[in-house]
Amino acid sequence: MDYRQAALSERERAILDYAVKLTLHPADMRREDVEDLRRAGLDDGAIHDVAQVTGFFNLYNRLADGLGIEAEPDW
């Protein structure tokens, strides 16, 4: 599902826009990206959490891909 087509709040959409940009184009991040999150109602702690979670999952996915870790089967 494309999150841009989903019925999301402005806050949720801002978070996902930020996470996608940080994932796909980290060198393009600007102060305005953080300001977009603030305008959507996030405080500094929440913005920090979004950046940390996005970074963690990017790191984990790269480690898993680099080491050939298979996804766990559905039970």
PDB file of N, CA and C in Angstrom:
ATOM      1  N   MET A   1       0.846  -1.179   0.000  1.00  0.00           N
ATOM      2  CA  MET A   1       0.000   0.000   0.000  1.00  0.00           C
ATOM      3  C   MET A   1       0.892   1.244   0.000  1.00  0.00           C
ATOM      4  N   ASP A   2       0.532   2.193  -0.780  1.00  0.00           N
ATOM      5  CA  ASP A   2       1.246   3.463  -0.850  1.00  0.00           C
ATOM      6  C   ASP A   2       0.669   4.395   0.205  1.00  0.00           C
ATOM      7  N   TYR A   3       1.473   4.754   1.182  1.00  0.00           N
ATOM      8  CA  TYR A   3       0.974   5.578   2.277  1.00  0.00           C
ATOM      9  C   TYR A   3       0.412   6.913   1.786  1.00  0.00           C
ATOM     10  N   ARG A   4       0.882   7.370   0.623  1.00  0.00           N
ATOM     11  CA  ARG A   4       0.398   8.654   0.101  1.00  0.00           C
ATOM     12  C   ARG A   4      -1.052   8.567  -0.366  1.00  0.00           C
ATOM     13  N   GLN A   5      -1.553   7.351  -0.530  1.00  0.00           N
ATOM     14  CA  GLN A   5      -2.947   7.146  -0.931  1.00  0.00           C
ATOM     15  C   GLN A   5      -3.833   6.788   0.258  1.00  0.00           C
ATOM     16  N   ALA A   6      -3.247   6.591   1.420  1.00  0.00           N
ATOM     17  CA  ALA A   6      -3.993   6.172   2.607  1.00  0.00           C
ATOM     18  C   ALA A   6      -4.635   7.368   3.296  1.00  0.00           C
ATOM     19  N   ALA A   7      -5.679   7.099   4.041  1.00  0.00           N
ATOM     20  CA  ALA A   7      -6.360   8.131   4.827  1.00  0.00           C
ATOM     21  C   ALA A   7      -5.578   8.338   6.125  1.00  0.00           C
ATOM     22  N   LEU A   8      -4.624   9.264   6.091  1.00  0.00           N
ATOM     23  CA  LEU A   8      -3.767   9.538   7.234  1.00  0.00           C
ATOM     24  C   LEU A   8      -3.976  10.963   7.714  1.00  0.00           C
ATOM     25  N   SER A   9      -3.652  11.182   8.974  1.00  0.00           N
ATOM     26  CA  SER A   9      -3.675  12.538   9.501  1.00  0.00           C
ATOM     27  C   SER A   9      -2.487  13.316   8.943  1.00  0.00           C
ATOM     28  N   GLU A  10      -2.542  14.633   9.062  1.00  0.00           N
ATOM     29  CA  GLU A  10      -1.413  15.465   8.629  1.00  0.00           C
ATOM     30  C   GLU A  10      -0.140  15.055   9.369  1.00  0.00           C
ATOM     31  N   ARG A  11      -0.272  14.762  10.655  1.00  0.00           N
ATOM     32  CA  ARG A  11       0.868  14.351  11.486  1.00  0.00           C
ATOM     33  C   ARG A  11       1.477  13.050  10.960  1.00  0.00           C
ATOM     34  N   GLU A  12       0.634  12.049  10.716  1.00  0.00           N
ATOM     35  CA  GLU A  12       1.131  10.760  10.224  1.00  0.00           C
ATOM     36  C   GLU A  12       1.807  10.910   8.863  1.00  0.00           C
ATOM     37  N   ARG A  13       1.201  11.698   7.986  1.00  0.00           N
ATOM     38  CA  ARG A  13       1.778  11.893   6.661  1.00  0.00           C
ATOM     39  C   ARG A  13       3.122  12.609   6.756  1.00  0.00           C
ATOM     40  N   ALA A  14       3.233  13.610   7.630  1.00  0.00           N
ATOM     41  CA  ALA A  14       4.498  14.329   7.809  1.00  0.00           C
ATOM     42  C   ALA A  14       5.591  13.390   8.312  1.00  0.00           C
ATOM     43  N   ILE A  15       5.239  12.519   9.258  1.00  0.00           N
ATOM     44  CA  ILE A  15       6.205  11.555   9.791  1.00  0.00           C
ATOM     45  C   ILE A  15       6.689  10.622   8.687  1.00  0.00           C
ATOM     46  N   LEU A  16       5.774  10.102   7.903  1.00  0.00           N
ATOM     47  CA  LEU A  16       6.164   9.180   6.842  1.00  0.00           C
ATOM     48  C   LEU A  16       6.945   9.883   5.738  1.00  0.00           C
ATOM     49  N   ASP A  17       6.556  11.109   5.386  1.00  0.00           N
ATOM     50  CA  ASP A  17       7.330  11.863   4.398  1.00  0.00           C
ATOM     51  C   ASP A  17       8.771  12.034   4.873  1.00  0.00           C
ATOM     52  N   TYR A  18       8.938  12.380   6.140  1.00  0.00           N
ATOM     53  CA  TYR A  18      10.275  12.567   6.725  1.00  0.00           C
ATOM     54  C   TYR A  18      11.054  11.247   6.687  1.00  0.00           C
ATOM     55  N   ALA A  19      10.419  10.167   7.129  1.00  0.00           N
ATOM     56  CA  ALA A  19      11.095   8.865   7.187  1.00  0.00           C
ATOM     57  C   ALA A  19      11.517   8.380   5.800  1.00  0.00           C
ATOM     58  N   VAL A  20      10.657   8.572   4.819  1.00  0.00           N
ATOM     59  CA  VAL A  20      10.995   8.147   3.450  1.00  0.00           C
ATOM     60  C   VAL A  20      12.162   8.977   2.924  1.00  0.00           C
ATOM     61  N   LYS A  21      12.123  10.283   3.132  1.00  0.00           N
ATOM     62  CA  LYS A  21      13.218  11.123   2.646  1.00  0.00           C
ATOM     63  C   LYS A  21      14.529  10.764   3.343  1.00  0.00           C
ATOM     64  N   LEU A  22      14.476  10.568   4.658  1.00  0.00           N
ATOM     65  CA  LEU A  22      15.686  10.203   5.394  1.00  0.00           C
ATOM     66  C   LEU A  22      16.231   8.860   4.919  1.00  0.00           C
ATOM     67  N   THR A  23      15.360   7.950   4.564  1.00  0.00           N
ATOM     68  CA  THR A  23      15.765   6.629   4.081  1.00  0.00           C
ATOM     69  C   THR A  23      16.359   6.685   2.675  1.00  0.00           C
ATOM     70  N   LEU A  24      15.681   7.370   1.781  1.00  0.00           N
ATOM     71  CA  LEU A  24      16.074   7.341   0.372  1.00  0.00           C
ATOM     72  C   LEU A  24      17.061   8.435  -0.027  1.00  0.00           C
ATOM     73  N   HIS A  25      17.028   9.570   0.658  1.00  0.00           N
ATOM     74  CA  HIS A  25      17.847  10.719   0.271  1.00  0.00           C
ATOM     75  C   HIS A  25      18.423  11.426   1.501  1.00  0.00           C
ATOM     76  N   PRO A  26      19.179  10.723   2.329  1.00  0.00           N
ATOM     77  CA  PRO A  26      19.645  11.323   3.583  1.00  0.00           C
ATOM     78  C   PRO A  26      20.486  12.582   3.394  1.00  0.00           C
ATOM     79  N   ALA A  27      21.231  12.675   2.317  1.00  0.00           N
ATOM     80  CA  ALA A  27      22.066  13.857   2.090  1.00  0.00           C
ATOM     81  C   ALA A  27      21.240  15.094   1.748  1.00  0.00           C
ATOM     82  N   ASP A  28      19.979  14.900   1.419  1.00  0.00           N
ATOM     83  CA  ASP A  28      19.103  16.015   1.053  1.00  0.00           C
ATOM     84  C   ASP A  28      18.297  16.568   2.225  1.00  0.00           C
ATOM     85  N   MET A  29      18.488  16.016   3.419  1.00  0.00           N
ATOM     86  CA  MET A  29      17.725  16.491   4.574  1.00  0.00           C
ATOM     87  C   MET A  29      18.104  17.934   4.888  1.00  0.00           C
ATOM     88  N   ARG A  30      17.101  18.735   5.208  1.00  0.00           N
ATOM     89  CA  ARG A  30      17.295  20.152   5.505  1.00  0.00           C
ATOM     90  C   ARG A  30      16.518  20.539   6.757  1.00  0.00           C
ATOM     91  N   ARG A  31      16.819  21.686   7.291  1.00  0.00           N
ATOM     92  CA  ARG A  31      16.110  22.216   8.456  1.00  0.00           C
ATOM     93  C   ARG A  31      14.598  22.234   8.202  1.00  0.00           C
ATOM     94  N   GLU A  32      14.207  22.508   6.971  1.00  0.00           N
ATOM     95  CA  GLU A  32      12.793  22.575   6.624  1.00  0.00           C
ATOM     96  C   GLU A  32      12.077  21.243   6.868  1.00  0.00           C
ATOM     97  N   ASP A  33      12.801  20.137   6.730  1.00  0.00           N
ATOM     98  CA  ASP A  33      12.195  18.831   6.983  1.00  0.00           C
ATOM     99  C   ASP A  33      11.776  18.700   8.444  1.00  0.00           C
ATOM    100  N   VAL A  34      12.601  19.208   9.338  1.00  0.00           N
ATOM    101  CA  VAL A  34      12.261  19.206  10.762  1.00  0.00           C
ATOM    102  C   VAL A  34      11.136  20.204  11.030  1.00  0.00           C
ATOM    103  N   GLU A  35      11.191  21.342  10.388  1.00  0.00           N
ATOM    104  CA  GLU A  35      10.139  22.345  10.565  1.00  0.00           C
ATOM    105  C   GLU A  35       8.784  21.805  10.098  1.00  0.00           C
ATOM    106  N   ASP A  36       8.771  20.992   9.051  1.00  0.00           N
ATOM    107  CA  ASP A  36       7.522  20.367   8.603  1.00  0.00           C
ATOM    108  C   ASP A  36       6.939  19.497   9.717  1.00  0.00           C
ATOM    109  N   LEU A  37       7.797  18.778  10.425  1.00  0.00           N
ATOM    110  CA  LEU A  37       7.322  17.950  11.544  1.00  0.00           C
ATOM    111  C   LEU A  37       6.786  18.824  12.668  1.00  0.00           C
ATOM    112  N   ARG A  38       7.450  19.914  12.957  1.00  0.00           N
ATOM    113  CA  ARG A  38       6.963  20.836  13.997  1.00  0.00           C
ATOM    114  C   ARG A  38       5.594  21.406  13.618  1.00  0.00           C
ATOM    115  N   ARG A  39       5.433  21.796  12.363  1.00  0.00           N
ATOM    116  CA  ARG A  39       4.147  22.329  11.914  1.00  0.00           C
ATOM    117  C   ARG A  39       3.039  21.279  12.019  1.00  0.00           C
ATOM    118  N   ALA A  40       3.422  20.009  11.917  1.00  0.00           N
ATOM    119  CA  ALA A  40       2.454  18.922  12.039  1.00  0.00           C
ATOM    120  C   ALA A  40       2.175  18.560  13.493  1.00  0.00           C
ATOM    121  N   GLY A  41       2.818  19.273  14.433  1.00  0.00           N
ATOM    122  CA  GLY A  41       2.509  19.083  15.853  1.00  0.00           C
ATOM    123  C   GLY A  41       3.505  18.272  16.653  1.00  0.00           C
ATOM    124  N   LEU A  42       4.634  17.902  16.089  1.00  0.00           N
ATOM    125  CA  LEU A  42       5.625  17.131  16.828  1.00  0.00           C
ATOM    126  C   LEU A  42       6.544  18.070  17.598  1.00  0.00           C
ATOM    127  N   ASP A  43       6.873  17.690  18.817  1.00  0.00           N
ATOM    128  CA  ASP A  43       7.858  18.442  19.585  1.00  0.00           C
ATOM    129  C   ASP A  43       9.235  17.837  19.348  1.00  0.00           C
ATOM    130  N   ASP A  44      10.253  18.424  19.953  1.00  0.00           N
ATOM    131  CA  ASP A  44      11.623  17.963  19.706  1.00  0.00           C
ATOM    132  C   ASP A  44      11.824  16.495  20.090  1.00  0.00           C
ATOM    133  N   GLY A  45      11.196  16.059  21.178  1.00  0.00           N
ATOM    134  CA  GLY A  45      11.332  14.666  21.594  1.00  0.00           C
ATOM    135  C   GLY A  45      10.740  13.709  20.572  1.00  0.00           C
ATOM    136  N   ALA A  46       9.574  14.062  20.043  1.00  0.00           N
ATOM    137  CA  ALA A  46       8.936  13.208  19.036  1.00  0.00           C
ATOM    138  C   ALA A  46       9.742  13.196  17.736  1.00  0.00           C
ATOM    139  N   ILE A  47      10.294  14.349  17.359  1.00  0.00           N
ATOM    140  CA  ILE A  47      11.121  14.412  16.155  1.00  0.00           C
ATOM    141  C   ILE A  47      12.360  13.540  16.326  1.00  0.00           C
ATOM    142  N   HIS A  48      12.950  13.595  17.502  1.00  0.00           N
ATOM    143  CA  HIS A  48      14.107  12.749  17.802  1.00  0.00           C
ATOM    144  C   HIS A  48      13.728  11.277  17.675  1.00  0.00           C
ATOM    145  N   ASP A  49      12.565  10.905  18.208  1.00  0.00           N
ATOM    146  CA  ASP A  49      12.120   9.514  18.123  1.00  0.00           C
ATOM    147  C   ASP A  49      11.934   9.076  16.672  1.00  0.00           C
ATOM    148  N   VAL A  50      11.336   9.928  15.851  1.00  0.00           N
ATOM    149  CA  VAL A  50      11.127   9.590  14.434  1.00  0.00           C
ATOM    150  C   VAL A  50      12.472   9.347  13.748  1.00  0.00           C
ATOM    151  N   ALA A  51      13.427  10.240  13.993  1.00  0.00           N
ATOM    152  CA  ALA A  51      14.754  10.082  13.373  1.00  0.00           C
ATOM    153  C   ALA A  51      15.445   8.824  13.885  1.00  0.00           C
ATOM    154  N   GLN A  52      15.351   8.559  15.190  1.00  0.00           N
ATOM    155  CA  GLN A  52      16.000   7.376  15.764  1.00  0.00           C
ATOM    156  C   GLN A  52      15.398   6.081  15.225  1.00  0.00           C
ATOM    157  N   VAL A  53      14.078   5.992  15.196  1.00  0.00           N
ATOM    158  CA  VAL A  53      13.419   4.770  14.718  1.00  0.00           C
ATOM    159  C   VAL A  53      13.714   4.554  13.240  1.00  0.00           C
ATOM    160  N   THR A  54      13.651   5.626  12.457  1.00  0.00           N
ATOM    161  CA  THR A  54      13.962   5.509  11.025  1.00  0.00           C
ATOM    162  C   THR A  54      15.396   5.032  10.834  1.00  0.00           C
ATOM    163  N   GLY A  55      16.326   5.647  11.539  1.00  0.00           N
ATOM    164  CA  GLY A  55      17.730   5.254  11.427  1.00  0.00           C
ATOM    165  C   GLY A  55      17.958   3.821  11.875  1.00  0.00           C
ATOM    166  N   PHE A  56      17.312   3.424  12.977  1.00  0.00           N
ATOM    167  CA  PHE A  56      17.476   2.062  13.479  1.00  0.00           C
ATOM    168  C   PHE A  56      17.013   1.040  12.454  1.00  0.00           C
ATOM    169  N   PHE A  57      15.828   1.249  11.883  1.00  0.00           N
ATOM    170  CA  PHE A  57      15.326   0.276  10.916  1.00  0.00           C
ATOM    171  C   PHE A  57      16.174   0.261   9.646  1.00  0.00           C
ATOM    172  N   ASN A  58      16.672   1.410   9.241  1.00  0.00           N
ATOM    173  CA  ASN A  58      17.575   1.421   8.086  1.00  0.00           C
ATOM    174  C   ASN A  58      18.842   0.626   8.390  1.00  0.00           C
ATOM    175  N   LEU A  59      19.417   0.823   9.567  1.00  0.00           N
ATOM    176  CA  LEU A  59      20.602   0.077   9.967  1.00  0.00           C
ATOM    177  C   LEU A  59      20.301  -1.418  10.009  1.00  0.00           C
ATOM    178  N   TYR A  60      19.232  -1.786  10.664  1.00  0.00           N
ATOM    179  CA  TYR A  60      18.891  -3.196  10.793  1.00  0.00           C
ATOM    180  C   TYR A  60      18.679  -3.842   9.423  1.00  0.00           C
ATOM    181  N   ASN A  61      17.948  -3.163   8.543  1.00  0.00           N
ATOM    182  CA  ASN A  61      17.704  -3.727   7.211  1.00  0.00           C
ATOM    183  C   ASN A  61      19.001  -3.899   6.429  1.00  0.00           C
ATOM    184  N   ARG A  62      19.908  -2.953   6.538  1.00  0.00           N
ATOM    185  CA  ARG A  62      21.183  -3.076   5.825  1.00  0.00           C
ATOM    186  C   ARG A  62      22.030  -4.203   6.403  1.00  0.00           C
ATOM    187  N   LEU A  63      22.028  -4.353   7.717  1.00  0.00           N
ATOM    188  CA  LEU A  63      22.752  -5.476   8.326  1.00  0.00           C
ATOM    189  C   LEU A  63      22.158  -6.804   7.874  1.00  0.00           C
ATOM    190  N   ALA A  64      20.841  -6.905   7.918  1.00  0.00           N
ATOM    191  CA  ALA A  64      20.185  -8.148   7.519  1.00  0.00           C
ATOM    192  C   ALA A  64      20.469  -8.459   6.052  1.00  0.00           C
ATOM    193  N   ASP A  65      20.367  -7.448   5.198  1.00  0.00           N
ATOM    194  CA  ASP A  65      20.659  -7.673   3.778  1.00  0.00           C
ATOM    195  C   ASP A  65      22.122  -8.038   3.569  1.00  0.00           C
ATOM    196  N   GLY A  66      23.009  -7.348   4.254  1.00  0.00           N
ATOM    197  CA  GLY A  66      24.442  -7.586   4.094  1.00  0.00           C
ATOM    198  C   GLY A  66      24.889  -8.941   4.604  1.00  0.00           C
ATOM    199  N   LEU A  67      24.183  -9.460   5.587  1.00  0.00           N
ATOM    200  CA  LEU A  67      24.546 -10.756   6.155  1.00  0.00           C
ATOM    201  C   LEU A  67      23.690 -11.900   5.615  1.00  0.00           C
ATOM    202  N   GLY A  68      22.757 -11.573   4.749  1.00  0.00           N
ATOM    203  CA  GLY A  68      21.913 -12.614   4.155  1.00  0.00           C
ATOM    204  C   GLY A  68      20.900 -13.205   5.107  1.00  0.00           C
ATOM    205  N   ILE A  69      20.464 -12.436   6.086  1.00  0.00           N
ATOM    206  CA  ILE A  69      19.480 -12.936   7.049  1.00  0.00           C
ATOM    207  C   ILE A  69      18.124 -13.040   6.360  1.00  0.00           C
ATOM    208  N   GLU A  70      17.515 -14.206   6.466  1.00  0.00           N
ATOM    209  CA  GLU A  70      16.214 -14.440   5.865  1.00  0.00           C
ATOM    210  C   GLU A  70      15.123 -13.958   6.825  1.00  0.00           C
ATOM    211  N   ALA A  71      14.019 -13.515   6.255  1.00  0.00           N
ATOM    212  CA  ALA A  71      12.867 -13.135   7.069  1.00  0.00           C
ATOM    213  C   ALA A  71      12.312 -14.380   7.745  1.00  0.00           C
ATOM    214  N   GLU A  72      11.777 -14.176   8.942  1.00  0.00           N
ATOM    215  CA  GLU A  72      11.172 -15.308   9.651  1.00  0.00           C
ATOM    216  C   GLU A  72       9.894 -15.727   8.927  1.00  0.00           C
ATOM    217  N   PRO A  73       9.648 -17.023   8.897  1.00  0.00           N
ATOM    218  CA  PRO A  73       8.429 -17.489   8.216  1.00  0.00           C
ATOM    219  C   PRO A  73       7.174 -17.061   8.983  1.00  0.00           C
ATOM    220  N   ASP A  74       6.072 -16.884   8.255  1.00  0.00           N
ATOM    221  CA  ASP A  74       4.789 -16.588   8.910  1.00  0.00           C
ATOM    222  C   ASP A  74       4.308 -17.873   9.567  1.00  0.00           C
ATOM    223  N   TRP A  75       3.843 -17.763  10.785  1.00  0.00           N
ATOM    224  CA  TRP A  75       3.351 -18.947  11.502  1.00  0.00           C
ATOM    225  C   TRP A  75       1.883 -19.008  11.447  1.00  0.00           C
TER     226      TRP A  75
END
